[in-house]
Amino acid sequence: MTDTTKTDFNRAGEAKAGTASTSGAAAVLTDIRLWSAIGIVVLLILPHYVYPVMIAKVLCFALFAAAFNLLLGFAGLLSFGHAAFFGMSAYVTGYCLQSLGFTAELGILAGTAAGALLGLAMGLLAIRRQGIYFAMITLALAQMVYFVALQAPFTGGEDGLQGVPRRDLFGIIDMSSNMNVYYLVLGVFCIGLFIVYRTVHSPFGQVLKSIRENEPRAISLGYDADRYKLMAFVLSAALSGLAGSTKVMVFQLASLTDIQWQMSGEVVLMAVLGGIGTMVGPLVGATIIITLQNELAQIGSVSTIVQGAVFVFCVLAFRRGIVGEIKHRWTTWRGRS
């Protein structure tokens, strides 16, 4: 075989491999769009058969879990203080709607901005630490925010903000209907999940993954790891605040429960149960936890034991989380076949 023939053969092989890679990526993208469309259609129809407030609650906490998953699953940062962003944004939105007369969209934007600013302040203090030290710093800062919420005059103290009015959306869409509120929450959830998806699949997201896998290597390549982690932390805090703001629209209530450290534990549980580092995992985890809480509320404290048993079983049976384990086994099966 001459050198020219070998060169042509190699070029043909590279072209074929490139075509196969491109077609594979296109097939994956088509699958994502197909399943996303199916999921949206299901969520549009579901409130006609299930109590819409219940589904709206699941979507709020699913967005909260997705925001936390962005930080832990793709940046490798375990935060025990995410309830601070969720709860403080809920208070800000509730106060804007109740006392300042903001419309629904302005109240939600104000709460989201408050979550982002709080995330920036906490991130600047915590981001230079790693591992358990980072987790403990976020927990300590979140407890400080909790005591501020307990004493601040605009939060209502132990009573919280009750009877928060559902202001009209853009001043024209009536939000007094549960169905309208549900569709607002659904739209916000889709926007938030799309932001997470685009972040993860952007060059910024790839740098975050490299920092998660090997931070010294990423630094040696010229990336400012602390700056990237701070940006991820602020984005996660803003999305958590967005979830807390929509939760106020659903329940017309902002209370200390939203900002306690137990709420931070719940969002960790949702993300781990559904699957860390997956896009659908937070939704699955939130659905399971919220459903268990609602169904087992009548049996009192025993419900906590049942939730713990379910969590232990899922961790033992699904080491990668429910969605992560299904995805791994599906990939393995396709590889064998």
C-alpha atoms as a PDB file:
ATOM      1  CA  MET A   1       0.000   0.000   0.000  1.00  0.00           C
ATOM      2  CA  THR A   2       1.491   3.358  -1.050  1.00  0.00           C
ATOM      3  CA  ASP A   3       1.729   6.377   1.235  1.00  0.00           C
ATOM      4  CA  THR A   4      -0.962   8.173  -0.747  1.00  0.00           C
ATOM      5  CA  THR A   5      -3.322   5.237  -0.378  1.00  0.00           C
ATOM      6  CA  LYS A   6      -2.638   5.063   3.357  1.00  0.00           C
ATOM      7  CA  THR A   7      -3.329   8.782   3.724  1.00  0.00           C
ATOM      8  CA  ASP A   8      -6.618   8.510   1.816  1.00  0.00           C
ATOM      9  CA  PHE A   9      -7.591   5.485   3.907  1.00  0.00           C
ATOM     10  CA  ASN A  10      -6.861   7.313   7.162  1.00  0.00           C
ATOM     11  CA  ARG A  11      -8.777  10.369   6.027  1.00  0.00           C
ATOM     12  CA  ALA A  12     -11.752   8.209   5.077  1.00  0.00           C
ATOM     13  CA  GLY A  13     -11.657   6.552   8.496  1.00  0.00           C
ATOM     14  CA  GLU A  14     -11.485   9.891  10.298  1.00  0.00           C
ATOM     15  CA  ALA A  15     -14.362  11.244   8.222  1.00  0.00           C
ATOM     16  CA  LYS A  16     -16.440   8.157   8.969  1.00  0.00           C
ATOM     17  CA  ALA A  17     -15.702   8.416  12.708  1.00  0.00           C
ATOM     18  CA  GLY A  18     -16.564  12.115  12.676  1.00  0.00           C
ATOM     19  CA  THR A  19     -19.833  11.423  10.882  1.00  0.00           C
ATOM     20  CA  ALA A  20     -20.706   8.697  13.377  1.00  0.00           C
ATOM     21  CA  SER A  21     -19.900  10.997  16.296  1.00  0.00           C
ATOM     22  CA  THR A  22     -22.007  13.804  14.838  1.00  0.00           C
ATOM     23  CA  SER A  23     -24.930  11.492  14.158  1.00  0.00           C
ATOM     24  CA  GLY A  24     -24.660  10.089  17.691  1.00  0.00           C
ATOM     25  CA  ALA A  25     -24.745  13.575  19.209  1.00  0.00           C
ATOM     26  CA  ALA A  26     -27.706  14.497  17.009  1.00  0.00           C
ATOM     27  CA  ALA A  27     -29.533  11.347  18.125  1.00  0.00           C
ATOM     28  CA  VAL A  28     -28.931  12.188  21.795  1.00  0.00           C
ATOM     29  CA  LEU A  29     -30.135  15.753  21.233  1.00  0.00           C
ATOM     30  CA  THR A  30     -33.249  14.454  19.485  1.00  0.00           C
ATOM     31  CA  ASP A  31     -33.944  12.095  22.407  1.00  0.00           C
ATOM     32  CA  ILE A  32     -33.582  14.960  24.901  1.00  0.00           C
ATOM     33  CA  ARG A  33     -35.991  17.142  22.938  1.00  0.00           C
ATOM     34  CA  LEU A  34     -38.472  14.294  22.547  1.00  0.00           C
ATOM     35  CA  TRP A  35     -38.518  13.379  26.242  1.00  0.00           C
ATOM     36  CA  SER A  36     -38.642  17.045  27.238  1.00  0.00           C
ATOM     37  CA  ALA A  37     -41.688  17.588  25.024  1.00  0.00           C
ATOM     38  CA  ILE A  38     -43.375  14.488  26.465  1.00  0.00           C
ATOM     39  CA  GLY A  39     -42.638  15.649  30.017  1.00  0.00           C
ATOM     40  CA  ILE A  40     -44.045  19.132  29.375  1.00  0.00           C
ATOM     41  CA  VAL A  41     -47.225  17.689  27.841  1.00  0.00           C
ATOM     42  CA  VAL A  42     -47.686  15.396  30.857  1.00  0.00           C
ATOM     43  CA  LEU A  43     -47.203  18.298  33.273  1.00  0.00           C
ATOM     44  CA  LEU A  44     -49.695  20.416  31.319  1.00  0.00           C
ATOM     45  CA  ILE A  45     -52.355  17.721  31.536  1.00  0.00           C
ATOM     46  CA  LEU A  46     -51.617  16.430  35.049  1.00  0.00           C
ATOM     47  CA  PRO A  47     -53.328  19.205  37.098  1.00  0.00           C
ATOM     48  CA  HIS A  48     -56.668  18.225  35.561  1.00  0.00           C
ATOM     49  CA  TYR A  49     -56.413  14.886  37.396  1.00  0.00           C
ATOM     50  CA  VAL A  50     -54.272  15.721  40.450  1.00  0.00           C
ATOM     51  CA  TYR A  51     -54.642  18.601  42.914  1.00  0.00           C
ATOM     52  CA  PRO A  52     -52.635  21.402  41.231  1.00  0.00           C
ATOM     53  CA  VAL A  53     -51.252  22.827  44.496  1.00  0.00           C
ATOM     54  CA  MET A  54     -49.669  19.450  45.253  1.00  0.00           C
ATOM     55  CA  ILE A  55     -47.912  19.308  41.862  1.00  0.00           C
ATOM     56  CA  ALA A  56     -46.871  22.956  42.159  1.00  0.00           C
ATOM     57  CA  LYS A  57     -45.241  22.169  45.504  1.00  0.00           C
ATOM     58  CA  VAL A  58     -43.332  19.289  43.910  1.00  0.00           C
ATOM     59  CA  LEU A  59     -42.119  21.553  41.081  1.00  0.00           C
ATOM     60  CA  CYS A  60     -40.955  24.246  43.524  1.00  0.00           C
ATOM     61  CA  PHE A  61     -38.880  21.761  45.497  1.00  0.00           C
ATOM     62  CA  ALA A  62     -37.689  20.054  42.308  1.00  0.00           C
ATOM     63  CA  LEU A  63     -36.271  23.389  41.140  1.00  0.00           C
ATOM     64  CA  PHE A  64     -34.697  23.840  44.576  1.00  0.00           C
ATOM     65  CA  ALA A  65     -33.115  20.378  44.323  1.00  0.00           C
ATOM     66  CA  ALA A  66     -31.938  21.068  40.749  1.00  0.00           C
ATOM     67  CA  ALA A  67     -30.222  24.251  41.946  1.00  0.00           C
ATOM     68  CA  PHE A  68     -28.493  22.318  44.722  1.00  0.00           C
ATOM     69  CA  ASN A  69     -27.580  19.548  42.282  1.00  0.00           C
ATOM     70  CA  LEU A  70     -25.895  22.112  40.036  1.00  0.00           C
ATOM     71  CA  LEU A  71     -23.534  22.947  42.890  1.00  0.00           C
ATOM     72  CA  LEU A  72     -22.913  19.430  44.225  1.00  0.00           C
ATOM     73  CA  GLY A  73     -23.297  17.252  41.153  1.00  0.00           C
ATOM     74  CA  PHE A  74     -21.380  19.398  38.676  1.00  0.00           C
ATOM     75  CA  ALA A  75     -19.131  21.634  40.802  1.00  0.00           C
ATOM     76  CA  GLY A  76     -18.460  19.150  43.607  1.00  0.00           C
ATOM     77  CA  LEU A  77     -19.390  21.572  46.413  1.00  0.00           C
ATOM     78  CA  LEU A  78     -21.540  20.236  49.266  1.00  0.00           C
ATOM     79  CA  SER A  79     -23.526  23.054  50.868  1.00  0.00           C
ATOM     80  CA  PHE A  80     -25.503  22.635  54.078  1.00  0.00           C
ATOM     81  CA  GLY A  81     -26.857  26.176  53.920  1.00  0.00           C
ATOM     82  CA  HIS A  82     -29.064  26.313  50.845  1.00  0.00           C
ATOM     83  CA  ALA A  83     -32.162  26.827  52.958  1.00  0.00           C
ATOM     84  CA  ALA A  84     -30.895  30.372  53.610  1.00  0.00           C
ATOM     85  CA  PHE A  85     -31.399  31.295  49.943  1.00  0.00           C
ATOM     86  CA  PHE A  86     -34.714  29.452  49.672  1.00  0.00           C
ATOM     87  CA  GLY A  87     -36.167  30.934  52.862  1.00  0.00           C
ATOM     88  CA  MET A  88     -34.839  34.498  52.617  1.00  0.00           C
ATOM     89  CA  SER A  89     -36.081  34.809  49.044  1.00  0.00           C
ATOM     90  CA  ALA A  90     -39.478  33.589  50.223  1.00  0.00           C
ATOM     91  CA  TYR A  91     -39.530  36.324  52.881  1.00  0.00           C
ATOM     92  CA  VAL A  92     -38.487  39.030  50.412  1.00  0.00           C
ATOM     93  CA  THR A  93     -41.102  37.991  47.863  1.00  0.00           C
ATOM     94  CA  GLY A  94     -43.787  37.748  50.554  1.00  0.00           C
ATOM     95  CA  TYR A  95     -42.935  41.195  51.906  1.00  0.00           C
ATOM     96  CA  CYS A  96     -42.915  42.752  48.426  1.00  0.00           C
ATOM     97  CA  LEU A  97     -46.307  41.256  47.599  1.00  0.00           C
ATOM     98  CA  GLN A  98     -47.910  41.933  50.959  1.00  0.00           C
ATOM     99  CA  SER A  99     -46.502  45.303  52.044  1.00  0.00           C
ATOM    100  CA  LEU A 100     -45.155  46.947  48.895  1.00  0.00           C
ATOM    101  CA  GLY A 101     -47.905  45.872  46.499  1.00  0.00           C
ATOM    102  CA  PHE A 102     -45.552  44.451  43.852  1.00  0.00           C
ATOM    103  CA  THR A 103     -47.033  42.460  40.999  1.00  0.00           C
ATOM    104  CA  ALA A 104     -46.288  38.729  40.904  1.00  0.00           C
ATOM    105  CA  GLU A 105     -43.376  38.876  38.458  1.00  0.00           C
ATOM    106  CA  LEU A 106     -41.686  41.776  40.287  1.00  0.00           C
ATOM    107  CA  GLY A 107     -42.045  40.005  43.621  1.00  0.00           C
ATOM    108  CA  ILE A 108     -40.489  36.830  42.210  1.00  0.00           C
ATOM    109  CA  LEU A 109     -37.642  38.791  40.614  1.00  0.00           C
ATOM    110  CA  ALA A 110     -37.001  40.624  43.890  1.00  0.00           C
ATOM    111  CA  GLY A 111     -36.807  37.336  45.784  1.00  0.00           C
ATOM    112  CA  THR A 112     -34.485  35.831  43.183  1.00  0.00           C
ATOM    113  CA  ALA A 113     -32.204  38.875  43.341  1.00  0.00           C
ATOM    114  CA  ALA A 114     -32.129  38.622  47.140  1.00  0.00           C
ATOM    115  CA  GLY A 115     -31.078  34.971  46.876  1.00  0.00           C
ATOM    116  CA  ALA A 116     -28.311  35.842  44.411  1.00  0.00           C
ATOM    117  CA  LEU A 117     -26.958  38.689  46.578  1.00  0.00           C
ATOM    118  CA  LEU A 118     -27.036  36.513  49.685  1.00  0.00           C
ATOM    119  CA  GLY A 119     -25.268  33.777  47.723  1.00  0.00           C
ATOM    120  CA  LEU A 120     -22.578  36.237  46.668  1.00  0.00           C
ATOM    121  CA  ALA A 121     -22.013  37.352  50.269  1.00  0.00           C
ATOM    122  CA  MET A 122     -21.867  33.788  51.612  1.00  0.00           C
ATOM    123  CA  GLY A 123     -19.831  32.544  48.670  1.00  0.00           C
ATOM    124  CA  LEU A 124     -17.120  35.148  49.145  1.00  0.00           C
ATOM    125  CA  LEU A 125     -16.650  33.877  52.696  1.00  0.00           C
ATOM    126  CA  ALA A 126     -16.968  30.136  52.074  1.00  0.00           C
ATOM    127  CA  ILE A 127     -15.643  29.437  48.593  1.00  0.00           C
ATOM    128  CA  ARG A 128     -11.947  29.411  49.550  1.00  0.00           C
ATOM    129  CA  ARG A 129     -12.484  26.301  51.672  1.00  0.00           C
ATOM    130  CA  GLN A 130     -13.112  22.777  50.433  1.00  0.00           C
ATOM    131  CA  GLY A 131     -14.783  19.585  51.564  1.00  0.00           C
ATOM    132  CA  ILE A 132     -16.232  19.409  55.061  1.00  0.00           C
ATOM    133  CA  TYR A 133     -14.874  22.885  55.909  1.00  0.00           C
ATOM    134  CA  PHE A 134     -16.896  24.431  53.085  1.00  0.00           C
ATOM    135  CA  ALA A 135     -20.010  22.526  54.205  1.00  0.00           C
ATOM    136  CA  MET A 136     -19.626  23.640  57.836  1.00  0.00           C
ATOM    137  CA  ILE A 137     -19.068  27.274  56.883  1.00  0.00           C
ATOM    138  CA  THR A 138     -22.234  27.310  54.763  1.00  0.00           C
ATOM    139  CA  LEU A 139     -24.160  25.715  57.631  1.00  0.00           C
ATOM    140  CA  ALA A 140     -22.876  28.300  60.128  1.00  0.00           C
ATOM    141  CA  LEU A 141     -23.686  31.208  57.801  1.00  0.00           C
ATOM    142  CA  ALA A 142     -27.153  29.797  57.146  1.00  0.00           C
ATOM    143  CA  GLN A 143     -27.804  29.624  60.894  1.00  0.00           C
ATOM    144  CA  MET A 144     -26.846  33.276  61.165  1.00  0.00           C
ATOM    145  CA  VAL A 145     -29.346  34.096  58.420  1.00  0.00           C
ATOM    146  CA  TYR A 146     -31.962  32.060  60.307  1.00  0.00           C
ATOM    147  CA  PHE A 147     -31.518  34.143  63.463  1.00  0.00           C
ATOM    148  CA  VAL A 148     -31.681  37.338  61.409  1.00  0.00           C
ATOM    149  CA  ALA A 149     -34.997  36.145  59.965  1.00  0.00           C
ATOM    150  CA  LEU A 150     -36.192  35.331  63.473  1.00  0.00           C
ATOM    151  CA  GLN A 151     -35.495  38.865  64.721  1.00  0.00           C
ATOM    152  CA  ALA A 152     -36.041  41.034  61.631  1.00  0.00           C
ATOM    153  CA  PRO A 153     -39.273  43.087  61.709  1.00  0.00           C
ATOM    154  CA  PHE A 154     -40.267  42.439  58.072  1.00  0.00           C
ATOM    155  CA  THR A 155     -40.302  38.630  58.482  1.00  0.00           C
ATOM    156  CA  GLY A 156     -43.008  38.440  61.140  1.00  0.00           C
ATOM    157  CA  GLY A 157     -40.785  36.566  63.590  1.00  0.00           C
ATOM    158  CA  GLU A 158     -42.082  33.162  64.661  1.00  0.00           C
ATOM    159  CA  ASP A 159     -45.428  33.780  62.948  1.00  0.00           C
ATOM    160  CA  GLY A 160     -43.869  34.431  59.561  1.00  0.00           C
ATOM    161  CA  LEU A 161     -45.710  36.143  56.743  1.00  0.00           C
ATOM    162  CA  GLN A 162     -49.227  34.735  56.514  1.00  0.00           C
ATOM    163  CA  GLY A 163     -51.938  35.448  54.013  1.00  0.00           C
ATOM    164  CA  VAL A 164     -49.571  36.760  51.352  1.00  0.00           C
ATOM    165  CA  PRO A 165     -51.789  37.987  48.493  1.00  0.00           C
ATOM    166  CA  ARG A 166     -51.441  36.530  45.025  1.00  0.00           C
ATOM    167  CA  ARG A 167     -50.927  39.639  42.959  1.00  0.00           C
ATOM    168  CA  ASP A 168     -51.790  39.651  39.273  1.00  0.00           C
ATOM    169  CA  LEU A 169     -49.090  38.545  36.857  1.00  0.00           C
ATOM    170  CA  PHE A 170     -47.976  41.513  34.711  1.00  0.00           C
ATOM    171  CA  GLY A 171     -50.982  43.292  36.193  1.00  0.00           C
ATOM    172  CA  ILE A 172     -53.413  41.489  33.857  1.00  0.00           C
ATOM    173  CA  ILE A 173     -53.405  37.734  34.658  1.00  0.00           C
ATOM    174  CA  ASP A 174     -55.430  36.794  37.737  1.00  0.00           C
ATOM    175  CA  MET A 175     -53.415  34.623  40.129  1.00  0.00           C
ATOM    176  CA  SER A 176     -56.242  33.841  42.538  1.00  0.00           C
ATOM    177  CA  SER A 177     -56.883  30.590  40.655  1.00  0.00           C
ATOM    178  CA  ASN A 178     -54.839  27.546  41.677  1.00  0.00           C
ATOM    179  CA  MET A 179     -54.592  26.491  38.031  1.00  0.00           C
ATOM    180  CA  ASN A 180     -53.085  29.830  37.009  1.00  0.00           C
ATOM    181  CA  VAL A 181     -50.585  29.624  39.849  1.00  0.00           C
ATOM    182  CA  TYR A 182     -49.685  26.095  38.798  1.00  0.00           C
ATOM    183  CA  TYR A 183     -48.971  27.115  35.224  1.00  0.00           C
ATOM    184  CA  LEU A 184     -46.861  30.026  36.494  1.00  0.00           C
ATOM    185  CA  VAL A 185     -44.838  27.602  38.641  1.00  0.00           C
ATOM    186  CA  LEU A 186     -44.533  25.204  35.705  1.00  0.00           C
ATOM    187  CA  GLY A 187     -43.178  27.965  33.477  1.00  0.00           C
ATOM    188  CA  VAL A 188     -40.688  29.060  36.128  1.00  0.00           C
ATOM    189  CA  PHE A 189     -39.610  25.437  36.660  1.00  0.00           C
ATOM    190  CA  CYS A 190     -39.005  24.900  32.938  1.00  0.00           C
ATOM    191  CA  ILE A 191     -36.983  28.114  32.701  1.00  0.00           C
ATOM    192  CA  GLY A 192     -34.909  27.189  35.746  1.00  0.00           C
ATOM    193  CA  LEU A 193     -34.243  23.660  34.521  1.00  0.00           C
ATOM    194  CA  PHE A 194     -33.274  24.993  31.088  1.00  0.00           C
ATOM    195  CA  ILE A 195     -30.782  27.363  32.730  1.00  0.00           C
ATOM    196  CA  VAL A 196     -29.254  24.438  34.623  1.00  0.00           C
ATOM    197  CA  TYR A 197     -29.081  22.352  31.441  1.00  0.00           C
ATOM    198  CA  ARG A 198     -27.455  25.100  29.387  1.00  0.00           C
ATOM    199  CA  THR A 199     -24.996  25.855  32.194  1.00  0.00           C
ATOM    200  CA  VAL A 200     -23.926  22.227  32.496  1.00  0.00           C
ATOM    201  CA  HIS A 201     -23.507  21.790  28.718  1.00  0.00           C
ATOM    202  CA  SER A 202     -21.641  25.056  28.175  1.00  0.00           C
ATOM    203  CA  PRO A 203     -17.867  25.656  28.272  1.00  0.00           C
ATOM    204  CA  PHE A 204     -18.422  27.087  31.759  1.00  0.00           C
ATOM    205  CA  GLY A 205     -20.015  23.804  32.821  1.00  0.00           C
ATOM    206  CA  GLN A 206     -17.138  21.786  31.381  1.00  0.00           C
ATOM    207  CA  VAL A 207     -14.678  23.845  33.423  1.00  0.00           C
ATOM    208  CA  LEU A 208     -16.784  23.195  36.532  1.00  0.00           C
ATOM    209  CA  LYS A 209     -16.616  19.463  35.870  1.00  0.00           C
ATOM    210  CA  SER A 210     -12.850  19.610  35.429  1.00  0.00           C
ATOM    211  CA  ILE A 211     -12.528  21.493  38.733  1.00  0.00           C
ATOM    212  CA  ARG A 212     -14.700  18.867  40.398  1.00  0.00           C
ATOM    213  CA  GLU A 213     -12.577  16.017  39.048  1.00  0.00           C
ATOM    214  CA  ASN A 214      -9.113  17.541  39.503  1.00  0.00           C
ATOM    215  CA  GLU A 215      -8.884  21.107  40.780  1.00  0.00           C
ATOM    216  CA  PRO A 216      -5.049  21.352  40.789  1.00  0.00           C
ATOM    217  CA  ARG A 217      -5.005  20.233  37.137  1.00  0.00           C
ATOM    218  CA  ALA A 218      -7.614  22.859  36.217  1.00  0.00           C
ATOM    219  CA  ILE A 219      -5.601  25.556  37.999  1.00  0.00           C
ATOM    220  CA  SER A 220      -2.442  24.455  36.193  1.00  0.00           C
ATOM    221  CA  LEU A 221      -4.280  24.965  32.882  1.00  0.00           C
ATOM    222  CA  GLY A 222      -4.879  28.600  33.794  1.00  0.00           C
ATOM    223  CA  TYR A 223      -8.435  28.521  35.168  1.00  0.00           C
ATOM    224  CA  ASP A 224      -9.298  30.587  38.246  1.00  0.00           C
ATOM    225  CA  ALA A 225     -11.024  27.819  40.217  1.00  0.00           C
ATOM    226  CA  ASP A 226     -12.308  30.076  42.996  1.00  0.00           C
ATOM    227  CA  ARG A 227     -13.937  32.452  40.512  1.00  0.00           C
ATOM    228  CA  TYR A 228     -15.683  29.613  38.675  1.00  0.00           C
ATOM    229  CA  LYS A 229     -16.893  28.049  41.921  1.00  0.00           C
ATOM    230  CA  LEU A 230     -18.159  31.415  43.149  1.00  0.00           C
ATOM    231  CA  MET A 231     -20.116  31.922  39.931  1.00  0.00           C
ATOM    232  CA  ALA A 232     -21.645  28.453  40.284  1.00  0.00           C
ATOM    233  CA  PHE A 233     -22.494  29.158  43.923  1.00  0.00           C
ATOM    234  CA  VAL A 234     -24.230  32.445  43.093  1.00  0.00           C
ATOM    235  CA  LEU A 235     -26.166  30.861  40.214  1.00  0.00           C
ATOM    236  CA  SER A 236     -27.261  27.992  42.469  1.00  0.00           C
ATOM    237  CA  ALA A 237     -28.320  30.488  45.155  1.00  0.00           C
ATOM    238  CA  ALA A 238     -30.315  32.540  42.620  1.00  0.00           C
ATOM    239  CA  LEU A 239     -32.177  29.454  41.378  1.00  0.00           C
ATOM    240  CA  SER A 240     -32.840  28.388  44.974  1.00  0.00           C
ATOM    241  CA  GLY A 241     -34.240  31.861  45.594  1.00  0.00           C
ATOM    242  CA  LEU A 242     -36.418  31.519  42.504  1.00  0.00           C
ATOM    243  CA  ALA A 243     -37.817  28.279  43.931  1.00  0.00           C
ATOM    244  CA  GLY A 244     -38.510  29.925  47.300  1.00  0.00           C
ATOM    245  CA  SER A 245     -40.238  32.872  45.633  1.00  0.00           C
ATOM    246  CA  THR A 246     -42.605  30.654  43.647  1.00  0.00           C
ATOM    247  CA  LYS A 247     -43.333  28.624  46.788  1.00  0.00           C
ATOM    248  CA  VAL A 248     -44.760  31.798  48.371  1.00  0.00           C
ATOM    249  CA  MET A 249     -47.089  32.215  45.415  1.00  0.00           C
ATOM    250  CA  VAL A 250     -48.358  28.663  45.916  1.00  0.00           C
ATOM    251  CA  PHE A 251     -48.929  28.634  49.697  1.00  0.00           C
ATOM    252  CA  GLN A 252     -49.233  32.380  50.400  1.00  0.00           C
ATOM    253  CA  LEU A 253     -46.921  31.814  53.359  1.00  0.00           C
ATOM    254  CA  ALA A 254     -43.285  32.401  54.290  1.00  0.00           C
ATOM    255  CA  SER A 255     -42.203  30.890  57.596  1.00  0.00           C
ATOM    256  CA  LEU A 256     -39.147  29.880  59.597  1.00  0.00           C
ATOM    257  CA  THR A 257     -39.592  26.332  58.315  1.00  0.00           C
ATOM    258  CA  ASP A 258     -38.331  27.507  54.930  1.00  0.00           C
ATOM    259  CA  ILE A 259     -35.042  28.745  56.369  1.00  0.00           C
ATOM    260  CA  GLN A 260     -34.242  26.139  59.041  1.00  0.00           C
ATOM    261  CA  TRP A 261     -31.299  23.771  58.658  1.00  0.00           C
ATOM    262  CA  GLN A 262     -33.756  20.862  58.245  1.00  0.00           C
ATOM    263  CA  MET A 263     -34.740  22.338  54.887  1.00  0.00           C
ATOM    264  CA  SER A 264     -31.107  22.166  53.792  1.00  0.00           C
ATOM    265  CA  GLY A 265     -31.104  18.500  54.803  1.00  0.00           C
ATOM    266  CA  GLU A 266     -34.261  17.833  52.802  1.00  0.00           C
ATOM    267  CA  VAL A 267     -32.836  19.250  49.593  1.00  0.00           C
ATOM    268  CA  VAL A 268     -29.700  17.127  50.029  1.00  0.00           C
ATOM    269  CA  LEU A 269     -31.961  14.103  50.477  1.00  0.00           C
ATOM    270  CA  MET A 270     -33.947  14.924  47.323  1.00  0.00           C
ATOM    271  CA  ALA A 271     -30.837  15.341  45.184  1.00  0.00           C
ATOM    272  CA  VAL A 272     -29.102  12.213  46.476  1.00  0.00           C
ATOM    273  CA  LEU A 273     -32.248  10.110  46.229  1.00  0.00           C
ATOM    274  CA  GLY A 274     -32.953  11.149  42.639  1.00  0.00           C
ATOM    275  CA  GLY A 275     -29.362  11.009  41.463  1.00  0.00           C
ATOM    276  CA  ILE A 276     -26.482  13.450  41.852  1.00  0.00           C
ATOM    277  CA  GLY A 277     -25.225  14.805  38.550  1.00  0.00           C
ATOM    278  CA  THR A 278     -28.412  14.021  36.585  1.00  0.00           C
ATOM    279  CA  MET A 279     -30.961  16.430  35.144  1.00  0.00           C
ATOM    280  CA  VAL A 280     -34.151  14.504  35.986  1.00  0.00           C
ATOM    281  CA  GLY A 281     -32.937  13.158  39.346  1.00  0.00           C
ATOM    282  CA  PRO A 282     -33.967  16.199  41.428  1.00  0.00           C
ATOM    283  CA  LEU A 283     -37.518  16.018  40.041  1.00  0.00           C
ATOM    284  CA  VAL A 284     -37.780  12.313  40.901  1.00  0.00           C
ATOM    285  CA  GLY A 285     -36.301  12.836  44.367  1.00  0.00           C
ATOM    286  CA  ALA A 286     -38.580  15.786  45.125  1.00  0.00           C
ATOM    287  CA  THR A 287     -41.635  13.850  43.950  1.00  0.00           C
ATOM    288  CA  ILE A 288     -40.839  10.918  46.223  1.00  0.00           C
ATOM    289  CA  ILE A 289     -40.071  13.025  49.312  1.00  0.00           C
ATOM    290  CA  ILE A 290     -43.052  15.390  48.957  1.00  0.00           C
ATOM    291  CA  THR A 291     -45.425  12.497  48.257  1.00  0.00           C
ATOM    292  CA  LEU A 292     -44.191  10.604  51.296  1.00  0.00           C
ATOM    293  CA  GLN A 293     -44.564  13.670  53.482  1.00  0.00           C
ATOM    294  CA  ASN A 294     -48.142  14.265  52.343  1.00  0.00           C
ATOM    295  CA  GLU A 295     -49.240  10.630  52.525  1.00  0.00           C
ATOM    296  CA  LEU A 296     -47.605   9.949  55.889  1.00  0.00           C
ATOM    297  CA  ALA A 297     -48.545  13.234  57.569  1.00  0.00           C
ATOM    298  CA  GLN A 298     -51.397  11.549  59.454  1.00  0.00           C
ATOM    299  CA  ILE A 299     -49.124   9.189  61.368  1.00  0.00           C
ATOM    300  CA  GLY A 300     -47.076  11.978  62.952  1.00  0.00           C
ATOM    301  CA  SER A 301     -43.443  11.424  63.900  1.00  0.00           C
ATOM    302  CA  VAL A 302     -43.494   7.870  62.531  1.00  0.00           C
ATOM    303  CA  SER A 303     -43.395   9.396  59.054  1.00  0.00           C
ATOM    304  CA  THR A 304     -39.782  10.466  59.668  1.00  0.00           C
ATOM    305  CA  ILE A 305     -38.846   6.847  60.405  1.00  0.00           C
ATOM    306  CA  VAL A 306     -40.538   5.680  57.217  1.00  0.00           C
ATOM    307  CA  GLN A 307     -38.759   8.355  55.162  1.00  0.00           C
ATOM    308  CA  GLY A 308     -35.442   7.323  56.703  1.00  0.00           C
ATOM    309  CA  ALA A 309     -36.096   3.656  55.890  1.00  0.00           C
ATOM    310  CA  VAL A 310     -36.974   4.524  52.277  1.00  0.00           C
ATOM    311  CA  PHE A 311     -33.817   6.625  51.976  1.00  0.00           C
ATOM    312  CA  VAL A 312     -31.598   3.849  53.365  1.00  0.00           C
ATOM    313  CA  PHE A 313     -33.167   1.307  51.013  1.00  0.00           C
ATOM    314  CA  CYS A 314     -32.697   3.549  47.971  1.00  0.00           C
ATOM    315  CA  VAL A 315     -29.082   4.303  48.882  1.00  0.00           C
ATOM    316  CA  LEU A 316     -28.331   0.579  49.244  1.00  0.00           C
ATOM    317  CA  ALA A 317     -30.245  -0.467  46.119  1.00  0.00           C
ATOM    318  CA  PHE A 318     -29.429   2.557  43.942  1.00  0.00           C
ATOM    319  CA  ARG A 319     -25.921   3.724  44.770  1.00  0.00           C
ATOM    320  CA  ARG A 320     -26.017   6.354  42.021  1.00  0.00           C
ATOM    321  CA  GLY A 321     -29.522   7.494  42.915  1.00  0.00           C
ATOM    322  CA  ILE A 322     -32.671   6.245  41.219  1.00  0.00           C
ATOM    323  CA  VAL A 323     -32.194   8.072  37.908  1.00  0.00           C
ATOM    324  CA  GLY A 324     -28.427   7.623  37.965  1.00  0.00           C
ATOM    325  CA  GLU A 325     -28.719   3.867  38.485  1.00  0.00           C
ATOM    326  CA  ILE A 326     -31.331   3.482  35.746  1.00  0.00           C
ATOM    327  CA  LYS A 327     -29.161   5.509  33.369  1.00  0.00           C
ATOM    328  CA  HIS A 328     -26.071   3.422  34.208  1.00  0.00           C
ATOM    329  CA  ARG A 329     -27.851   0.092  33.698  1.00  0.00           C
ATOM    330  CA  TRP A 330     -29.448   1.289  30.458  1.00  0.00           C
ATOM    331  CA  THR A 331     -26.056   2.385  29.129  1.00  0.00           C
ATOM    332  CA  THR A 332     -24.505  -0.941  30.154  1.00  0.00           C
ATOM    333  CA  TRP A 333     -27.302  -2.914  28.491  1.00  0.00           C
ATOM    334  CA  ARG A 334     -26.997  -0.934  25.251  1.00  0.00           C
ATOM    335  CA  GLY A 335     -23.238  -1.429  25.272  1.00  0.00           C
ATOM    336  CA  ARG A 336     -23.625  -5.198  25.589  1.00  0.00           C
ATOM    337  CA  SER A 337     -26.297  -5.389  22.914  1.00  0.00           C
END
